[in-house]
């Protein structure tokens, strides 16, 4: 018998130190992301939040926020954004929708093929205007931007990420996402 989001909440309450997702009715325990990956996710989140919040465009969350997707999976992207008109108030538990933007950051233990499969699963759960997904790989200094029914766009150092259909005017230089080196 497949498990539900309510079952996930119960297990998570007993094991709060272990991040978990519900995929295909099974609970998956997530491993820690690694320092560099989390720093990149935090920087992306900060850049996004600093644009979104003063304009009251929506909500930006990190890997601790869970989303119950239309297929009943409960997932927690590294960074997510939901437009204000889709989520007027923060839910106490999981949000029951697919975010408008999901960001996954590759950690040292992640497999790129599996991350891309996860992204395709996310894309199938998108909203009517289309879900945007960004896969960030700190090792290669690249971002892959995914949209439904389109080929991924790869950005590298020297490029600028813009999402004009979702966040007109917002931009971030790819080089600004990487951790600084202090000499």
N, C-alpha and C. Protein backbone atom coordinates (compact mmCIF):
# COMPACT_ATOMS: atom_id res chain seq x y z
N UNK A 1 0.84 -1.18 0.00
CA UNK A 1 0.00 0.00 0.00
C UNK A 1 0.89 1.25 0.00
N UNK A 2 0.71 2.16 -0.97
CA UNK A 2 1.56 3.35 -1.03
C UNK A 2 1.31 4.28 0.14
N UNK A 3 2.38 4.92 0.57
CA UNK A 3 2.28 5.89 1.66
C UNK A 3 1.79 7.23 1.13
N UNK A 4 1.30 8.08 2.05
CA UNK A 4 0.76 9.39 1.68
C UNK A 4 1.58 10.50 2.33
N UNK A 5 1.26 11.72 1.98
CA UNK A 5 1.93 12.87 2.59
C UNK A 5 1.71 12.89 4.10
N UNK A 6 0.55 12.47 4.55
CA UNK A 6 0.27 12.41 5.99
C UNK A 6 1.19 11.41 6.67
N UNK A 7 1.44 10.27 6.00
CA UNK A 7 2.39 9.28 6.54
C UNK A 7 3.79 9.88 6.61
N UNK A 8 4.17 10.62 5.59
CA UNK A 8 5.48 11.27 5.58
C UNK A 8 5.60 12.24 6.75
N UNK A 9 4.56 13.02 7.01
CA UNK A 9 4.58 13.96 8.14
C UNK A 9 4.80 13.22 9.47
N UNK A 10 4.15 12.08 9.64
CA UNK A 10 4.28 11.31 10.88
C UNK A 10 5.72 10.78 11.04
N UNK A 11 6.27 10.23 9.97
CA UNK A 11 7.64 9.71 10.03
C UNK A 11 8.61 10.86 10.28
N UNK A 12 8.40 11.98 9.58
CA UNK A 12 9.28 13.14 9.72
C UNK A 12 9.24 13.68 11.14
N UNK A 13 8.08 13.63 11.78
CA UNK A 13 7.96 14.10 13.16
C UNK A 13 8.81 13.26 14.12
N UNK A 14 8.96 11.98 13.82
CA UNK A 14 9.77 11.09 14.66
C UNK A 14 11.26 11.15 14.32
N UNK A 15 11.57 11.58 13.12
CA UNK A 15 12.96 11.63 12.67
C UNK A 15 13.25 13.02 12.06
N UNK A 16 13.16 14.08 12.85
CA UNK A 16 13.27 15.43 12.30
C UNK A 16 14.64 15.78 11.73
N UNK A 17 15.67 15.05 12.08
CA UNK A 17 17.02 15.35 11.59
C UNK A 17 17.31 14.76 10.22
N UNK A 18 16.35 14.05 9.66
CA UNK A 18 16.54 13.39 8.36
C UNK A 18 15.57 13.96 7.34
N UNK A 19 16.06 14.76 6.40
CA UNK A 19 15.16 15.28 5.37
C UNK A 19 14.64 14.13 4.51
N UNK A 20 13.35 14.19 4.18
CA UNK A 20 12.72 13.10 3.43
C UNK A 20 11.81 13.65 2.35
N UNK A 21 11.60 12.83 1.33
CA UNK A 21 10.63 13.12 0.28
C UNK A 21 9.78 11.86 0.08
N UNK A 22 8.61 12.05 -0.48
CA UNK A 22 7.72 10.94 -0.80
C UNK A 22 7.65 10.83 -2.32
N UNK A 23 8.10 9.71 -2.86
CA UNK A 23 8.14 9.53 -4.30
C UNK A 23 7.51 8.19 -4.65
N UNK A 24 6.46 8.24 -5.44
CA UNK A 24 5.79 7.00 -5.84
C UNK A 24 5.28 6.20 -4.67
N UNK A 25 4.86 6.86 -3.60
CA UNK A 25 4.33 6.17 -2.43
C UNK A 25 5.38 5.62 -1.49
N UNK A 26 6.65 5.91 -1.74
CA UNK A 26 7.74 5.45 -0.88
C UNK A 26 8.50 6.63 -0.31
N UNK A 27 8.90 6.50 0.95
CA UNK A 27 9.67 7.57 1.59
C UNK A 27 11.14 7.41 1.24
N UNK A 28 11.74 8.51 0.80
CA UNK A 28 13.15 8.53 0.44
C UNK A 28 13.86 9.43 1.45
N UNK A 29 14.88 8.92 2.12
CA UNK A 29 15.68 9.73 3.04
C UNK A 29 16.75 10.42 2.21
N UNK A 30 16.81 11.73 2.34
CA UNK A 30 17.75 12.53 1.56
C UNK A 30 19.06 12.67 2.34
N UNK A 31 20.18 12.66 1.62
CA UNK A 31 21.46 12.85 2.29
C UNK A 31 21.77 14.34 2.37
N UNK A 32 22.63 14.75 3.30
CA UNK A 32 23.05 16.15 3.32
C UNK A 32 23.67 16.52 1.98
N UNK A 33 23.54 17.78 1.61
CA UNK A 33 23.94 18.18 0.26
C UNK A 33 25.42 18.43 0.10
N UNK A 34 26.11 18.73 1.12
CA UNK A 34 27.50 19.14 0.99
C UNK A 34 27.59 20.64 1.15
N UNK A 35 28.69 21.12 1.64
CA UNK A 35 28.84 22.53 1.98
C UNK A 35 28.72 23.43 0.75
N UNK A 36 29.51 23.13 -0.28
CA UNK A 36 29.51 23.99 -1.47
C UNK A 36 28.12 24.05 -2.11
N UNK A 37 27.46 22.90 -2.26
CA UNK A 37 26.13 22.86 -2.87
C UNK A 37 25.14 23.70 -2.09
N UNK A 38 25.20 23.60 -0.76
CA UNK A 38 24.27 24.37 0.06
C UNK A 38 24.58 25.86 -0.02
N UNK A 39 25.85 26.21 -0.10
CA UNK A 39 26.22 27.62 -0.23
C UNK A 39 25.70 28.19 -1.56
N UNK A 40 25.79 27.40 -2.63
CA UNK A 40 25.27 27.84 -3.93
C UNK A 40 23.75 27.99 -3.87
N UNK A 41 23.07 27.02 -3.25
CA UNK A 41 21.62 27.11 -3.12
C UNK A 41 21.22 28.33 -2.29
N UNK A 42 21.96 28.59 -1.22
CA UNK A 42 21.68 29.76 -0.38
C UNK A 42 21.87 31.06 -1.15
N UNK A 43 22.91 31.12 -1.96
CA UNK A 43 23.17 32.33 -2.75
C UNK A 43 22.07 32.54 -3.79
N UNK A 44 21.66 31.47 -4.47
CA UNK A 44 20.58 31.59 -5.45
C UNK A 44 19.31 32.07 -4.75
N UNK A 45 19.02 31.45 -3.61
CA UNK A 45 17.83 31.83 -2.84
C UNK A 45 17.89 33.30 -2.41
N UNK A 46 19.04 33.75 -1.95
CA UNK A 46 19.20 35.14 -1.51
C UNK A 46 19.00 36.10 -2.67
N UNK A 47 19.61 35.79 -3.81
CA UNK A 47 19.46 36.64 -4.99
C UNK A 47 17.99 36.74 -5.39
N UNK A 48 17.31 35.60 -5.38
CA UNK A 48 15.91 35.56 -5.77
C UNK A 48 15.02 36.27 -4.75
N UNK A 49 15.22 35.95 -3.48
CA UNK A 49 14.41 36.55 -2.42
C UNK A 49 14.57 38.06 -2.38
N UNK A 50 15.79 38.54 -2.56
CA UNK A 50 16.04 39.98 -2.53
C UNK A 50 15.33 40.72 -3.67
N UNK A 51 14.98 40.02 -4.72
CA UNK A 51 14.22 40.62 -5.82
C UNK A 51 12.71 40.48 -5.57
N UNK A 52 12.31 39.31 -5.12
CA UNK A 52 10.89 38.98 -4.99
C UNK A 52 10.21 39.69 -3.82
N UNK A 53 10.84 39.67 -2.67
CA UNK A 53 10.19 40.15 -1.44
C UNK A 53 9.76 41.63 -1.50
N UNK A 54 10.64 42.56 -1.86
CA UNK A 54 10.20 43.96 -1.87
C UNK A 54 9.10 44.23 -2.90
N UNK A 55 9.01 43.40 -3.92
CA UNK A 55 8.00 43.59 -4.96
C UNK A 55 6.72 42.79 -4.67
N UNK A 56 6.75 42.01 -3.58
CA UNK A 56 5.63 41.16 -3.17
C UNK A 56 5.13 40.27 -4.32
N UNK A 57 6.10 39.64 -4.97
CA UNK A 57 5.79 38.80 -6.13
C UNK A 57 5.43 37.37 -5.75
N UNK A 58 5.83 36.94 -4.56
CA UNK A 58 5.55 35.57 -4.16
C UNK A 58 6.44 35.12 -3.02
N UNK A 59 6.62 33.82 -2.94
CA UNK A 59 7.35 33.20 -1.83
C UNK A 59 8.56 32.42 -2.32
N UNK A 60 9.67 32.59 -1.63
CA UNK A 60 10.91 31.86 -1.93
C UNK A 60 11.22 30.99 -0.71
N UNK A 61 11.47 29.71 -0.95
CA UNK A 61 11.79 28.80 0.15
C UNK A 61 13.01 27.95 -0.19
N UNK A 62 13.56 27.33 0.84
CA UNK A 62 14.70 26.44 0.69
C UNK A 62 14.28 24.99 0.73
N UNK A 63 15.26 24.13 0.94
CA UNK A 63 15.06 22.68 0.86
C UNK A 63 14.17 22.11 1.97
N UNK A 64 13.87 22.91 2.98
CA UNK A 64 13.01 22.41 4.05
C UNK A 64 11.53 22.49 3.73
N UNK A 65 11.16 23.21 2.68
CA UNK A 65 9.74 23.37 2.33
C UNK A 65 9.31 22.24 1.40
N UNK A 66 8.28 21.53 1.79
CA UNK A 66 7.77 20.43 0.98
C UNK A 66 6.57 20.85 0.16
N UNK A 67 6.44 20.22 -1.00
CA UNK A 67 5.31 20.47 -1.91
C UNK A 67 4.64 19.15 -2.24
N UNK A 68 3.34 19.07 -2.02
CA UNK A 68 2.58 17.90 -2.47
C UNK A 68 2.19 18.20 -3.92
N UNK A 69 2.80 17.46 -4.83
CA UNK A 69 2.57 17.67 -6.25
C UNK A 69 1.28 17.00 -6.70
N UNK A 70 0.77 17.36 -7.87
CA UNK A 70 -0.49 16.77 -8.34
C UNK A 70 -0.49 15.24 -8.41
N UNK A 71 0.68 14.61 -8.57
CA UNK A 71 0.74 13.14 -8.61
C UNK A 71 0.86 12.53 -7.21
N UNK A 72 0.74 13.36 -6.16
CA UNK A 72 0.81 12.95 -4.74
C UNK A 72 2.22 12.78 -4.21
N UNK A 73 3.25 12.94 -5.04
CA UNK A 73 4.61 12.95 -4.52
C UNK A 73 4.78 14.20 -3.65
N UNK A 74 5.61 14.08 -2.62
CA UNK A 74 5.94 15.23 -1.79
C UNK A 74 7.43 15.46 -1.95
N UNK A 75 7.77 16.58 -2.59
CA UNK A 75 9.15 16.87 -2.91
C UNK A 75 9.58 18.18 -2.28
N UNK A 76 10.90 18.34 -2.11
CA UNK A 76 11.46 19.55 -1.50
C UNK A 76 12.67 19.99 -2.32
N UNK A 77 12.44 20.85 -3.33
CA UNK A 77 13.57 21.36 -4.12
C UNK A 77 14.52 22.18 -3.26
N UNK A 78 15.74 22.34 -3.70
CA UNK A 78 16.73 23.11 -2.93
C UNK A 78 16.30 24.57 -2.78
N UNK A 79 15.68 25.13 -3.81
CA UNK A 79 15.12 26.48 -3.78
C UNK A 79 13.83 26.42 -4.59
N UNK A 80 12.81 27.14 -4.14
CA UNK A 80 11.58 27.20 -4.92
C UNK A 80 10.96 28.58 -4.82
N UNK A 81 10.13 28.89 -5.81
CA UNK A 81 9.40 30.15 -5.86
C UNK A 81 7.98 29.84 -6.29
N UNK A 82 7.02 30.46 -5.57
CA UNK A 82 5.61 30.36 -5.92
C UNK A 82 5.07 31.78 -6.02
N UNK A 83 4.40 32.08 -7.14
CA UNK A 83 3.81 33.41 -7.33
C UNK A 83 2.77 33.70 -6.25
N UNK A 84 2.70 34.96 -5.85
CA UNK A 84 1.80 35.39 -4.77
C UNK A 84 0.35 35.01 -5.03
N UNK A 85 -0.11 35.15 -6.26
CA UNK A 85 -1.51 34.86 -6.55
C UNK A 85 -1.84 33.38 -6.44
N UNK A 86 -0.83 32.52 -6.44
CA UNK A 86 -1.06 31.08 -6.29
C UNK A 86 -0.97 30.61 -4.84
N UNK A 87 -0.30 31.40 -4.00
CA UNK A 87 -0.13 31.01 -2.59
C UNK A 87 -0.17 32.27 -1.74
N UNK A 88 -1.40 32.69 -1.41
CA UNK A 88 -1.62 33.95 -0.69
C UNK A 88 -1.06 33.91 0.73
N UNK A 89 -1.12 32.74 1.38
CA UNK A 89 -0.61 32.57 2.74
C UNK A 89 0.27 31.33 2.80
N UNK A 90 1.26 31.39 3.66
CA UNK A 90 2.12 30.21 3.84
C UNK A 90 1.36 29.12 4.57
N UNK A 91 1.34 27.91 4.04
CA UNK A 91 0.68 26.82 4.75
C UNK A 91 1.53 26.38 5.95
N UNK A 92 0.89 25.83 6.94
CA UNK A 92 1.61 25.33 8.13
C UNK A 92 2.43 24.09 7.78
N UNK A 93 1.91 23.29 6.88
CA UNK A 93 2.59 22.06 6.50
C UNK A 93 3.05 22.18 5.06
N UNK A 94 2.87 21.14 4.27
CA UNK A 94 3.29 21.15 2.88
C UNK A 94 2.35 22.00 2.03
N UNK A 95 2.89 22.65 1.02
CA UNK A 95 2.06 23.37 0.05
C UNK A 95 1.54 22.35 -0.96
N UNK A 96 0.28 22.41 -1.27
CA UNK A 96 -0.32 21.44 -2.19
C UNK A 96 -0.40 22.01 -3.60
N UNK A 97 0.77 22.15 -4.21
CA UNK A 97 0.89 22.65 -5.57
C UNK A 97 2.32 22.47 -6.04
N UNK A 98 2.51 22.62 -7.34
CA UNK A 98 3.87 22.61 -7.89
C UNK A 98 4.37 24.04 -7.93
N UNK A 99 5.56 24.31 -7.43
CA UNK A 99 6.09 25.67 -7.49
C UNK A 99 6.23 26.15 -8.93
N UNK A 100 6.30 27.46 -9.11
CA UNK A 100 6.51 28.03 -10.44
C UNK A 100 7.97 27.90 -10.87
N UNK A 101 8.86 27.88 -9.89
CA UNK A 101 10.29 27.72 -10.14
C UNK A 101 10.85 26.75 -9.12
N UNK A 102 11.56 25.74 -9.60
CA UNK A 102 12.25 24.79 -8.74
C UNK A 102 13.73 24.83 -9.10
N UNK A 103 14.59 24.80 -8.09
CA UNK A 103 16.02 24.80 -8.32
C UNK A 103 16.62 23.60 -7.60
N UNK A 104 17.38 22.82 -8.32
CA UNK A 104 18.11 21.71 -7.76
C UNK A 104 19.60 21.99 -7.92
N UNK A 105 20.37 21.81 -6.86
CA UNK A 105 21.81 22.02 -6.90
C UNK A 105 22.48 20.65 -6.74
N UNK A 106 23.33 20.30 -7.69
CA UNK A 106 24.02 19.01 -7.63
C UNK A 106 25.00 19.02 -6.47
N UNK A 107 24.89 17.99 -5.64
CA UNK A 107 25.86 17.81 -4.55
C UNK A 107 26.89 16.78 -5.01
N UNK A 108 27.99 16.65 -4.27
CA UNK A 108 29.04 15.71 -4.69
C UNK A 108 28.56 14.26 -4.83
N UNK A 109 27.54 13.87 -4.09
CA UNK A 109 27.07 12.49 -4.16
C UNK A 109 25.94 12.29 -5.17
N UNK A 110 25.44 13.39 -5.77
CA UNK A 110 24.35 13.28 -6.74
C UNK A 110 24.84 12.75 -8.08
N UNK A 111 23.96 12.05 -8.75
CA UNK A 111 24.18 11.56 -10.09
C UNK A 111 23.40 12.47 -11.04
N UNK A 112 24.08 13.07 -12.03
CA UNK A 112 23.41 14.00 -12.94
C UNK A 112 22.26 13.35 -13.70
N UNK A 113 22.41 12.11 -14.11
CA UNK A 113 21.33 11.42 -14.82
C UNK A 113 20.10 11.32 -13.94
N UNK A 114 20.27 10.96 -12.68
CA UNK A 114 19.13 10.85 -11.76
C UNK A 114 18.51 12.22 -11.49
N UNK A 115 19.34 13.27 -11.37
CA UNK A 115 18.81 14.62 -11.19
C UNK A 115 17.98 15.04 -12.39
N UNK A 116 18.45 14.72 -13.58
CA UNK A 116 17.70 15.07 -14.79
C UNK A 116 16.39 14.28 -14.87
N UNK A 117 16.39 13.04 -14.39
CA UNK A 117 15.15 12.26 -14.33
C UNK A 117 14.18 12.90 -13.33
N UNK A 118 14.70 13.35 -12.21
CA UNK A 118 13.88 14.04 -11.20
C UNK A 118 13.27 15.31 -11.81
N UNK A 119 14.05 16.02 -12.59
CA UNK A 119 13.57 17.24 -13.24
C UNK A 119 12.45 16.92 -14.22
N UNK A 120 12.59 15.85 -14.99
CA UNK A 120 11.52 15.47 -15.92
C UNK A 120 10.25 15.12 -15.15
N UNK A 121 10.39 14.49 -14.00
CA UNK A 121 9.23 14.21 -13.15
C UNK A 121 8.58 15.51 -12.68
N UNK A 122 9.41 16.48 -12.26
CA UNK A 122 8.88 17.79 -11.86
C UNK A 122 8.15 18.46 -13.01
N UNK A 123 8.73 18.44 -14.20
CA UNK A 123 8.12 19.11 -15.35
C UNK A 123 6.72 18.58 -15.65
N UNK A 124 6.54 17.30 -15.42
CA UNK A 124 5.22 16.70 -15.69
C UNK A 124 4.17 17.18 -14.68
N UNK A 125 4.60 17.84 -13.60
CA UNK A 125 3.68 18.31 -12.56
C UNK A 125 3.45 19.82 -12.62
N UNK A 126 3.90 20.46 -13.70
CA UNK A 126 3.90 21.92 -13.78
C UNK A 126 2.54 22.57 -13.82
N UNK A 127 2.57 23.88 -13.71
CA UNK A 127 1.36 24.69 -13.71
C UNK A 127 0.94 25.00 -15.14
N UNK A 128 -0.18 25.65 -15.30
CA UNK A 128 -0.71 25.92 -16.64
C UNK A 128 0.20 26.85 -17.44
N UNK A 129 0.89 27.80 -16.79
CA UNK A 129 1.78 28.68 -17.54
C UNK A 129 3.15 28.07 -17.76
N UNK A 130 3.38 26.95 -17.14
CA UNK A 130 4.66 26.27 -17.34
C UNK A 130 5.60 26.44 -16.17
N UNK A 131 6.17 25.37 -15.78
CA UNK A 131 7.11 25.31 -14.67
C UNK A 131 8.52 25.56 -15.19
N UNK A 132 9.29 26.30 -14.43
CA UNK A 132 10.70 26.51 -14.76
C UNK A 132 11.53 25.74 -13.75
N UNK A 133 12.55 25.06 -14.23
CA UNK A 133 13.43 24.32 -13.34
C UNK A 133 14.87 24.66 -13.71
N UNK A 134 15.67 24.91 -12.70
CA UNK A 134 17.08 25.20 -12.90
C UNK A 134 17.89 24.14 -12.18
N UNK A 135 18.78 23.49 -12.90
CA UNK A 135 19.73 22.54 -12.32
C UNK A 135 21.08 23.22 -12.30
N UNK A 136 21.65 23.35 -11.11
CA UNK A 136 22.93 24.02 -10.94
C UNK A 136 24.00 22.97 -10.62
N UNK A 137 25.10 23.01 -11.36
CA UNK A 137 26.21 22.10 -11.12
C UNK A 137 27.44 22.91 -10.73
N UNK A 138 27.73 23.00 -9.41
CA UNK A 138 28.89 23.78 -8.97
C UNK A 138 30.22 23.25 -9.50
N UNK A 139 30.29 21.95 -9.78
CA UNK A 139 31.55 21.36 -10.25
C UNK A 139 31.94 21.91 -11.62
N UNK A 140 30.96 22.08 -12.50
CA UNK A 140 31.24 22.52 -13.87
C UNK A 140 30.88 23.99 -14.10
N UNK A 141 30.39 24.65 -13.05
CA UNK A 141 29.96 26.05 -13.14
C UNK A 141 28.93 26.24 -14.25
N UNK A 142 27.93 25.36 -14.28
CA UNK A 142 26.88 25.46 -15.28
C UNK A 142 25.50 25.43 -14.64
N UNK A 143 24.55 26.03 -15.35
CA UNK A 143 23.13 25.95 -15.02
C UNK A 143 22.41 25.40 -16.23
N UNK A 144 21.48 24.50 -15.99
CA UNK A 144 20.62 24.01 -17.06
C UNK A 144 19.22 24.51 -16.74
N UNK A 145 18.61 25.22 -17.67
CA UNK A 145 17.28 25.77 -17.46
C UNK A 145 16.30 24.94 -18.28
N UNK A 146 15.31 24.38 -17.59
CA UNK A 146 14.32 23.50 -18.21
C UNK A 146 12.94 24.16 -18.20
N UNK A 147 12.24 24.00 -19.32
CA UNK A 147 10.85 24.43 -19.46
C UNK A 147 10.11 23.27 -20.13
N UNK A 148 8.81 23.15 -19.85
CA UNK A 148 8.07 22.05 -20.49
C UNK A 148 8.16 22.11 -22.02
N UNK A 149 8.35 20.96 -22.62
CA UNK A 149 8.36 20.80 -24.07
C UNK A 149 9.42 21.63 -24.79
N UNK A 150 10.52 21.92 -24.10
CA UNK A 150 11.62 22.65 -24.73
C UNK A 150 12.94 21.99 -24.34
N UNK A 151 13.93 22.16 -25.19
CA UNK A 151 15.26 21.65 -24.87
C UNK A 151 15.86 22.50 -23.75
N UNK A 152 16.67 21.89 -22.93
CA UNK A 152 17.33 22.62 -21.84
C UNK A 152 18.29 23.65 -22.43
N UNK A 153 18.39 24.79 -21.75
CA UNK A 153 19.34 25.83 -22.12
C UNK A 153 20.46 25.78 -21.09
N UNK A 154 21.71 25.72 -21.55
CA UNK A 154 22.86 25.64 -20.65
C UNK A 154 23.51 27.01 -20.56
N UNK A 155 23.72 27.47 -19.32
CA UNK A 155 24.39 28.74 -19.07
C UNK A 155 25.68 28.47 -18.32
N UNK A 156 26.70 29.31 -18.60
CA UNK A 156 28.02 29.15 -17.98
C UNK A 156 28.49 30.49 -17.45
N UNK A 157 29.66 30.47 -16.79
CA UNK A 157 30.28 31.71 -16.34
C UNK A 157 30.32 32.69 -17.51
N UNK A 158 30.01 33.94 -17.26
CA UNK A 158 29.94 34.94 -18.31
C UNK A 158 28.52 35.16 -18.80
N UNK A 159 27.62 34.18 -18.55
CA UNK A 159 26.20 34.32 -18.93
C UNK A 159 25.41 34.92 -17.78
N UNK A 160 24.21 35.35 -18.08
CA UNK A 160 23.30 35.91 -17.09
C UNK A 160 21.98 35.16 -17.18
N UNK A 161 21.49 34.70 -16.04
CA UNK A 161 20.19 34.03 -15.98
C UNK A 161 19.10 35.08 -15.87
N UNK A 162 18.14 35.02 -16.77
CA UNK A 162 16.93 35.84 -16.70
C UNK A 162 15.74 34.92 -16.86
N UNK A 163 14.63 35.28 -16.25
CA UNK A 163 13.39 34.52 -16.37
C UNK A 163 12.26 35.51 -16.67
N UNK A 164 12.29 36.14 -17.85
CA UNK A 164 11.38 37.25 -18.12
C UNK A 164 9.90 36.89 -18.09
N UNK A 165 9.55 35.66 -18.41
CA UNK A 165 8.14 35.28 -18.38
C UNK A 165 7.63 35.07 -16.95
N UNK A 166 8.52 34.82 -16.01
CA UNK A 166 8.13 34.60 -14.62
C UNK A 166 8.51 35.77 -13.72
N UNK A 167 9.72 36.29 -13.90
CA UNK A 167 10.23 37.38 -13.06
C UNK A 167 10.84 38.47 -13.94
N UNK A 168 10.00 39.25 -14.62
CA UNK A 168 10.53 40.29 -15.51
C UNK A 168 11.46 41.24 -14.76
N UNK A 169 12.64 41.48 -15.33
CA UNK A 169 13.61 42.40 -14.74
C UNK A 169 14.62 41.74 -13.83
N UNK A 170 14.34 40.53 -13.33
CA UNK A 170 15.29 39.85 -12.44
C UNK A 170 16.39 39.22 -13.29
N UNK A 171 17.61 39.35 -12.81
CA UNK A 171 18.73 38.69 -13.46
C UNK A 171 19.82 38.41 -12.44
N UNK A 172 20.57 37.37 -12.72
CA UNK A 172 21.71 37.03 -11.88
C UNK A 172 22.85 36.53 -12.77
N UNK A 173 24.02 37.10 -12.57
CA UNK A 173 25.21 36.64 -13.30
C UNK A 173 25.59 35.27 -12.75
N UNK A 174 25.86 34.34 -13.64
CA UNK A 174 26.20 32.98 -13.22
C UNK A 174 27.40 32.99 -12.28
N UNK A 175 28.38 33.81 -12.54
CA UNK A 175 29.58 33.86 -11.69
C UNK A 175 29.26 34.32 -10.27
N UNK A 176 28.15 35.03 -10.07
CA UNK A 176 27.78 35.49 -8.73
C UNK A 176 27.25 34.37 -7.83
N UNK A 177 26.97 33.21 -8.40
CA UNK A 177 26.42 32.11 -7.62
C UNK A 177 27.49 31.26 -6.92
N UNK A 178 28.71 31.33 -7.39
CA UNK A 178 29.75 30.44 -6.87
C UNK A 178 30.34 31.01 -5.56
N UNK A 179 30.73 30.11 -4.67
CA UNK A 179 31.32 30.58 -3.40
C UNK A 179 32.59 31.39 -3.62
N UNK A 180 32.75 32.44 -2.85
CA UNK A 180 33.98 33.23 -2.99
C UNK A 180 35.18 32.44 -2.48
N UNK A 181 36.35 32.82 -2.96
CA UNK A 181 37.59 32.25 -2.47
C UNK A 181 38.30 33.36 -1.72
N UNK A 182 38.64 33.11 -0.46
CA UNK A 182 39.33 34.10 0.35
C UNK A 182 40.80 33.75 0.42
N UNK A 183 41.64 34.59 -0.16
CA UNK A 183 43.08 34.34 -0.16
C UNK A 183 43.73 34.95 1.05
